Amino acid sequence: MAVLYIVALAWIYVVGLMAIAEATAPQGSVLGAIVTLVLYGLLPLGVSGYLLATPMRRRARQRRDEAAAASAGPYPHGGGHATADPVAPVGEEARGVGDDVVVARRDPPDAGRP
């Protein structure tokens, strides 16, 4: 990783010298020096730094996720109890709280009599 920083500093140094040469040249301008600094230095360095740092960001995200999973315990949502299945199996109705109680159904006394 230290090599990446050394290369980046060397590249900024070279591009800075190019910008100074552009600004101090008889036909050069400060605007040309700024464009040189941005297009040859900052933009490529930013893109390459972002791309080269991707593995480090991925490892940091994995460490953060593993730490969160370890602190959550056996239940990933952290509620302390198992989650219920929100979707009923095929051919069955979903059951809610208190649905396990069976209530006997009584027909009215005159039901089924003509």
N, C-alpha and C. Protein backbone atom coordinates (compact mmCIF):
# COMPACT_ATOMS: atom_id res chain seq x y z
N MET A 1 0.81 -1.19 0.00
CA MET A 1 0.00 0.00 0.00
C MET A 1 0.86 1.26 0.00
N ALA A 2 2.03 1.18 0.66
CA ALA A 2 2.92 2.33 0.71
C ALA A 2 3.46 2.66 -0.68
N VAL A 3 3.64 1.64 -1.51
CA VAL A 3 4.12 1.86 -2.87
C VAL A 3 3.10 2.67 -3.66
N LEU A 4 1.82 2.43 -3.41
CA LEU A 4 0.77 3.18 -4.10
C LEU A 4 0.87 4.66 -3.78
N TYR A 5 1.11 4.99 -2.51
CA TYR A 5 1.25 6.39 -2.11
C TYR A 5 2.49 7.03 -2.71
N ILE A 6 3.58 6.29 -2.79
CA ILE A 6 4.81 6.83 -3.37
C ILE A 6 4.61 7.13 -4.85
N VAL A 7 3.96 6.22 -5.56
CA VAL A 7 3.71 6.43 -6.99
C VAL A 7 2.77 7.62 -7.18
N ALA A 8 1.75 7.74 -6.34
CA ALA A 8 0.81 8.86 -6.46
C ALA A 8 1.51 10.19 -6.20
N LEU A 9 2.36 10.25 -5.17
CA LEU A 9 3.09 11.48 -4.90
C LEU A 9 4.04 11.84 -6.04
N ALA A 10 4.71 10.84 -6.60
CA ALA A 10 5.61 11.09 -7.73
C ALA A 10 4.82 11.60 -8.94
N TRP A 11 3.67 11.04 -9.18
CA TRP A 11 2.84 11.47 -10.31
C TRP A 11 2.37 12.92 -10.11
N ILE A 12 1.93 13.26 -8.90
CA ILE A 12 1.51 14.63 -8.61
C ILE A 12 2.69 15.60 -8.78
N TYR A 13 3.88 15.17 -8.37
CA TYR A 13 5.08 16.01 -8.53
C TYR A 13 5.35 16.29 -10.01
N VAL A 14 5.31 15.25 -10.82
CA VAL A 14 5.57 15.41 -12.26
C VAL A 14 4.52 16.30 -12.90
N VAL A 15 3.27 16.06 -12.57
CA VAL A 15 2.19 16.87 -13.16
C VAL A 15 2.27 18.31 -12.66
N GLY A 16 2.65 18.50 -11.41
CA GLY A 16 2.84 19.86 -10.90
C GLY A 16 3.93 20.60 -11.66
N LEU A 17 5.03 19.90 -11.95
CA LEU A 17 6.10 20.52 -12.75
C LEU A 17 5.61 20.84 -14.16
N MET A 18 4.79 19.96 -14.74
CA MET A 18 4.23 20.23 -16.06
C MET A 18 3.34 21.47 -16.02
N ALA A 19 2.54 21.62 -14.96
CA ALA A 19 1.66 22.77 -14.84
C ALA A 19 2.47 24.06 -14.66
N ILE A 20 3.52 23.99 -13.86
CA ILE A 20 4.38 25.17 -13.69
C ILE A 20 5.04 25.55 -15.01
N ALA A 21 5.49 24.55 -15.76
CA ALA A 21 6.11 24.82 -17.06
C ALA A 21 5.09 25.43 -18.01
N GLU A 22 3.86 24.97 -17.96
CA GLU A 22 2.80 25.52 -18.82
C GLU A 22 2.50 26.97 -18.44
N ALA A 23 2.47 27.26 -17.14
CA ALA A 23 2.12 28.61 -16.70
C ALA A 23 3.25 29.61 -16.98
N THR A 24 4.50 29.15 -16.91
CA THR A 24 5.62 30.09 -17.07
C THR A 24 6.15 30.13 -18.50
N ALA A 25 5.64 29.33 -19.39
CA ALA A 25 6.10 29.34 -20.77
C ALA A 25 5.65 30.63 -21.46
N PRO A 26 6.42 31.11 -22.47
CA PRO A 26 6.02 32.35 -23.15
C PRO A 26 4.65 32.24 -23.83
N GLN A 27 4.31 31.11 -24.37
CA GLN A 27 3.01 30.93 -25.03
C GLN A 27 1.98 30.26 -24.10
N GLY A 28 2.36 29.95 -22.87
CA GLY A 28 1.47 29.26 -21.94
C GLY A 28 0.56 30.21 -21.19
N SER A 29 -0.37 29.63 -20.43
CA SER A 29 -1.30 30.45 -19.64
C SER A 29 -1.60 29.73 -18.33
N VAL A 30 -2.14 30.48 -17.39
CA VAL A 30 -2.52 29.89 -16.11
C VAL A 30 -3.70 28.94 -16.31
N LEU A 31 -4.61 29.28 -17.21
CA LEU A 31 -5.73 28.38 -17.49
C LEU A 31 -5.24 27.05 -18.04
N GLY A 32 -4.24 27.09 -18.92
CA GLY A 32 -3.65 25.86 -19.45
C GLY A 32 -2.98 25.05 -18.34
N ALA A 33 -2.37 25.73 -17.38
CA ALA A 33 -1.73 25.04 -16.26
C ALA A 33 -2.79 24.36 -15.38
N ILE A 34 -3.90 25.03 -15.16
CA ILE A 34 -4.99 24.44 -14.35
C ILE A 34 -5.58 23.23 -15.06
N VAL A 35 -5.80 23.36 -16.36
CA VAL A 35 -6.34 22.23 -17.13
C VAL A 35 -5.35 21.07 -17.12
N THR A 36 -4.07 21.36 -17.26
CA THR A 36 -3.05 20.31 -17.20
C THR A 36 -3.06 19.62 -15.85
N LEU A 37 -3.14 20.40 -14.79
CA LEU A 37 -3.15 19.83 -13.44
C LEU A 37 -4.37 18.94 -13.22
N VAL A 38 -5.53 19.39 -13.68
CA VAL A 38 -6.76 18.61 -13.46
C VAL A 38 -6.81 17.39 -14.37
N LEU A 39 -6.59 17.59 -15.67
CA LEU A 39 -6.77 16.48 -16.61
C LEU A 39 -5.62 15.46 -16.60
N TYR A 40 -4.40 15.90 -16.30
CA TYR A 40 -3.28 14.97 -16.25
C TYR A 40 -2.99 14.47 -14.85
N GLY A 41 -3.43 15.20 -13.84
CA GLY A 41 -3.07 14.84 -12.48
C GLY A 41 -4.22 14.36 -11.63
N LEU A 42 -5.13 15.26 -11.30
CA LEU A 42 -6.16 14.94 -10.31
C LEU A 42 -7.17 13.92 -10.81
N LEU A 43 -7.64 14.07 -12.03
CA LEU A 43 -8.66 13.14 -12.55
C LEU A 43 -8.13 11.71 -12.68
N PRO A 44 -7.00 11.48 -13.37
CA PRO A 44 -6.51 10.09 -13.46
C PRO A 44 -6.10 9.51 -12.10
N LEU A 45 -5.53 10.36 -11.24
CA LEU A 45 -5.12 9.88 -9.93
C LEU A 45 -6.33 9.51 -9.08
N GLY A 46 -7.39 10.29 -9.17
CA GLY A 46 -8.61 9.98 -8.42
C GLY A 46 -9.26 8.69 -8.89
N VAL A 47 -9.35 8.50 -10.20
CA VAL A 47 -9.97 7.28 -10.75
C VAL A 47 -9.12 6.06 -10.40
N SER A 48 -7.82 6.15 -10.61
CA SER A 48 -6.97 4.98 -10.32
C SER A 48 -6.93 4.69 -8.82
N GLY A 49 -6.93 5.72 -7.99
CA GLY A 49 -6.97 5.50 -6.54
C GLY A 49 -8.26 4.84 -6.11
N TYR A 50 -9.38 5.25 -6.69
CA TYR A 50 -10.66 4.64 -6.36
C TYR A 50 -10.67 3.16 -6.78
N LEU A 51 -10.20 2.88 -7.98
CA LEU A 51 -10.21 1.50 -8.46
C LEU A 51 -9.24 0.61 -7.67
N LEU A 52 -8.08 1.14 -7.33
CA LEU A 52 -7.10 0.33 -6.59
C LEU A 52 -7.49 0.15 -5.13
N ALA A 53 -8.33 1.02 -4.59
CA ALA A 53 -8.75 0.89 -3.20
C ALA A 53 -10.00 0.02 -3.05
N THR A 54 -10.55 -0.49 -4.14
CA THR A 54 -11.76 -1.31 -4.07
C THR A 54 -11.57 -2.55 -3.20
N PRO A 55 -10.49 -3.31 -3.31
CA PRO A 55 -10.33 -4.48 -2.44
C PRO A 55 -10.29 -4.11 -0.95
N MET A 56 -9.69 -2.98 -0.62
CA MET A 56 -9.64 -2.56 0.78
C MET A 56 -11.03 -2.22 1.29
N ARG A 57 -11.82 -1.54 0.46
CA ARG A 57 -13.19 -1.21 0.88
C ARG A 57 -14.02 -2.48 1.05
N ARG A 58 -13.83 -3.44 0.16
CA ARG A 58 -14.56 -4.71 0.25
C ARG A 58 -14.21 -5.45 1.53
N ARG A 59 -12.92 -5.51 1.87
CA ARG A 59 -12.51 -6.18 3.11
C ARG A 59 -13.06 -5.46 4.33
N ALA A 60 -13.06 -4.14 4.31
CA ALA A 60 -13.59 -3.39 5.45
C ALA A 60 -15.09 -3.63 5.61
N ARG A 61 -15.83 -3.71 4.49
CA ARG A 61 -17.26 -3.98 4.55
C ARG A 61 -17.52 -5.39 5.09
N GLN A 62 -16.71 -6.37 4.67
CA GLN A 62 -16.88 -7.73 5.18
C GLN A 62 -16.59 -7.81 6.66
N ARG A 63 -15.54 -7.12 7.12
CA ARG A 63 -15.25 -7.10 8.56
C ARG A 63 -16.38 -6.46 9.34
N ARG A 64 -16.95 -5.38 8.82
CA ARG A 64 -18.05 -4.70 9.49
C ARG A 64 -19.29 -5.60 9.54
N ASP A 65 -19.59 -6.30 8.44
CA ASP A 65 -20.74 -7.22 8.42
C ASP A 65 -20.53 -8.39 9.36
N GLU A 66 -19.31 -8.94 9.41
CA GLU A 66 -19.03 -10.05 10.31
C GLU A 66 -19.15 -9.62 11.77
N ALA A 67 -18.70 -8.40 12.08
CA ALA A 67 -18.81 -7.90 13.45
C ALA A 67 -20.27 -7.69 13.82
N ALA A 68 -21.07 -7.20 12.89
CA ALA A 68 -22.49 -7.00 13.16
C ALA A 68 -23.20 -8.34 13.34
N ALA A 69 -22.82 -9.33 12.54
CA ALA A 69 -23.44 -10.66 12.65
C ALA A 69 -23.05 -11.33 13.96
N ALA A 70 -21.82 -11.12 14.40
CA ALA A 70 -21.37 -11.73 15.65
C ALA A 70 -22.06 -11.10 16.86
N SER A 71 -22.34 -9.81 16.79
CA SER A 71 -22.98 -9.14 17.92
C SER A 71 -24.48 -9.35 17.94
N ALA A 72 -25.07 -9.81 16.83
CA ALA A 72 -26.52 -10.00 16.77
C ALA A 72 -26.96 -11.26 17.50
N GLY A 73 -26.08 -12.24 17.69
CA GLY A 73 -26.45 -13.48 18.35
C GLY A 73 -27.09 -14.45 17.36
N PRO A 74 -27.90 -15.38 17.87
CA PRO A 74 -28.46 -16.40 16.98
C PRO A 74 -29.57 -15.87 16.09
N TYR A 75 -30.16 -14.74 16.42
CA TYR A 75 -31.25 -14.20 15.62
C TYR A 75 -30.76 -12.96 14.88
N PRO A 76 -30.73 -13.01 13.55
CA PRO A 76 -30.10 -11.94 12.79
C PRO A 76 -30.80 -10.60 12.92
N HIS A 77 -32.08 -10.58 13.21
CA HIS A 77 -32.80 -9.31 13.32
C HIS A 77 -32.64 -8.70 14.70
N GLY A 78 -32.08 -9.42 15.65
CA GLY A 78 -31.79 -8.89 16.97
C GLY A 78 -33.00 -8.77 17.87
N GLY A 79 -34.11 -9.41 17.57
CA GLY A 79 -35.32 -9.29 18.37
C GLY A 79 -35.37 -10.24 19.54
N GLY A 80 -34.52 -11.25 19.57
CA GLY A 80 -34.50 -12.18 20.68
C GLY A 80 -35.45 -13.35 20.51
N HIS A 81 -36.15 -13.43 19.42
CA HIS A 81 -37.03 -14.56 19.17
C HIS A 81 -37.03 -14.85 17.67
N ALA A 82 -37.43 -16.06 17.34
CA ALA A 82 -37.40 -16.47 15.94
C ALA A 82 -38.50 -15.75 15.17
N THR A 83 -38.21 -15.49 13.90
CA THR A 83 -39.20 -14.82 13.07
C THR A 83 -40.23 -15.82 12.58
N ALA A 84 -41.45 -15.38 12.42
CA ALA A 84 -42.50 -16.22 11.88
C ALA A 84 -42.43 -16.20 10.36
N ASP A 85 -42.93 -17.24 9.75
CA ASP A 85 -42.95 -17.29 8.30
C ASP A 85 -44.09 -16.39 7.82
N PRO A 86 -43.79 -15.31 7.11
CA PRO A 86 -44.85 -14.38 6.70
C PRO A 86 -45.71 -14.91 5.56
N VAL A 87 -45.23 -15.95 4.89
CA VAL A 87 -45.99 -16.49 3.76
C VAL A 87 -46.47 -17.88 4.14
N ALA A 88 -47.77 -18.10 3.99
CA ALA A 88 -48.34 -19.41 4.32
C ALA A 88 -47.90 -20.44 3.30
N PRO A 89 -47.69 -21.68 3.72
CA PRO A 89 -47.37 -22.73 2.76
C PRO A 89 -48.51 -22.92 1.77
N VAL A 90 -48.21 -23.52 0.64
CA VAL A 90 -49.22 -23.70 -0.41
C VAL A 90 -50.35 -24.57 0.11
N GLY A 91 -51.58 -24.12 -0.08
CA GLY A 91 -52.76 -24.89 0.31
C GLY A 91 -53.17 -24.70 1.76
N GLU A 92 -52.50 -23.85 2.50
CA GLU A 92 -52.87 -23.63 3.89
C GLU A 92 -53.08 -22.14 4.12
N GLU A 93 -53.90 -21.84 5.12
CA GLU A 93 -54.12 -20.45 5.47
C GLU A 93 -53.05 -20.00 6.44
N ALA A 94 -52.78 -18.73 6.41
CA ALA A 94 -51.84 -18.18 7.37
C ALA A 94 -52.50 -18.14 8.74
N ARG A 95 -51.72 -18.44 9.77
CA ARG A 95 -52.25 -18.43 11.12
C ARG A 95 -51.71 -17.22 11.85
N GLY A 96 -52.55 -16.63 12.63
CA GLY A 96 -52.15 -15.49 13.42
C GLY A 96 -52.14 -15.84 14.89
N VAL A 97 -51.99 -14.83 15.72
CA VAL A 97 -51.99 -15.04 17.17
C VAL A 97 -53.37 -15.46 17.62
N GLY A 98 -53.47 -16.53 18.37
CA GLY A 98 -54.75 -17.00 18.89
C GLY A 98 -55.51 -17.90 17.93
N ASP A 99 -54.94 -18.22 16.78
CA ASP A 99 -55.64 -19.08 15.83
C ASP A 99 -55.57 -20.55 16.21
N ASP A 100 -54.75 -20.90 17.19
CA ASP A 100 -54.65 -22.30 17.56
C ASP A 100 -55.79 -22.74 18.47
N VAL A 101 -56.61 -21.81 18.89
CA VAL A 101 -57.75 -22.15 19.73
C VAL A 101 -58.90 -22.57 18.83
N VAL A 102 -59.42 -23.77 19.11
CA VAL A 102 -60.54 -24.27 18.32
C VAL A 102 -61.83 -23.94 19.06
N VAL A 103 -62.72 -23.25 18.40
CA VAL A 103 -63.99 -22.87 19.00
C VAL A 103 -65.06 -23.77 18.38
N ALA A 104 -65.84 -24.43 19.23
CA ALA A 104 -66.90 -25.30 18.73
C ALA A 104 -68.01 -24.42 18.15
N ARG A 105 -68.47 -24.80 17.01
CA ARG A 105 -69.50 -24.03 16.34
C ARG A 105 -70.86 -24.65 16.67
N ARG A 106 -71.76 -23.85 17.07
CA ARG A 106 -73.10 -24.34 17.39
C ARG A 106 -74.07 -23.81 16.36
N ASP A 107 -74.84 -24.73 15.87
CA ASP A 107 -75.88 -24.33 14.94
C ASP A 107 -77.10 -23.86 15.71
N PRO A 108 -77.88 -22.93 15.15
CA PRO A 108 -79.10 -22.52 15.82
C PRO A 108 -80.04 -23.73 15.99
N PRO A 109 -80.90 -23.72 17.02
CA PRO A 109 -81.75 -24.89 17.28
C PRO A 109 -82.66 -25.27 16.12
N ASP A 110 -83.08 -24.33 15.32
CA ASP A 110 -84.01 -24.68 14.24
C ASP A 110 -83.30 -24.85 12.91
N ALA A 111 -81.98 -24.97 12.90
CA ALA A 111 -81.24 -25.13 11.65
C ALA A 111 -81.48 -26.53 11.10
N GLY A 112 -81.76 -26.61 9.84
CA GLY A 112 -81.94 -27.89 9.18
C GLY A 112 -83.33 -28.47 9.35
N ARG A 113 -84.20 -27.83 10.06
CA ARG A 113 -85.58 -28.34 10.21
C ARG A 113 -86.49 -27.57 9.27
N PRO A 114 -87.37 -28.29 8.67
CA PRO A 114 -88.31 -27.60 7.76
C PRO A 114 -89.41 -26.88 8.46
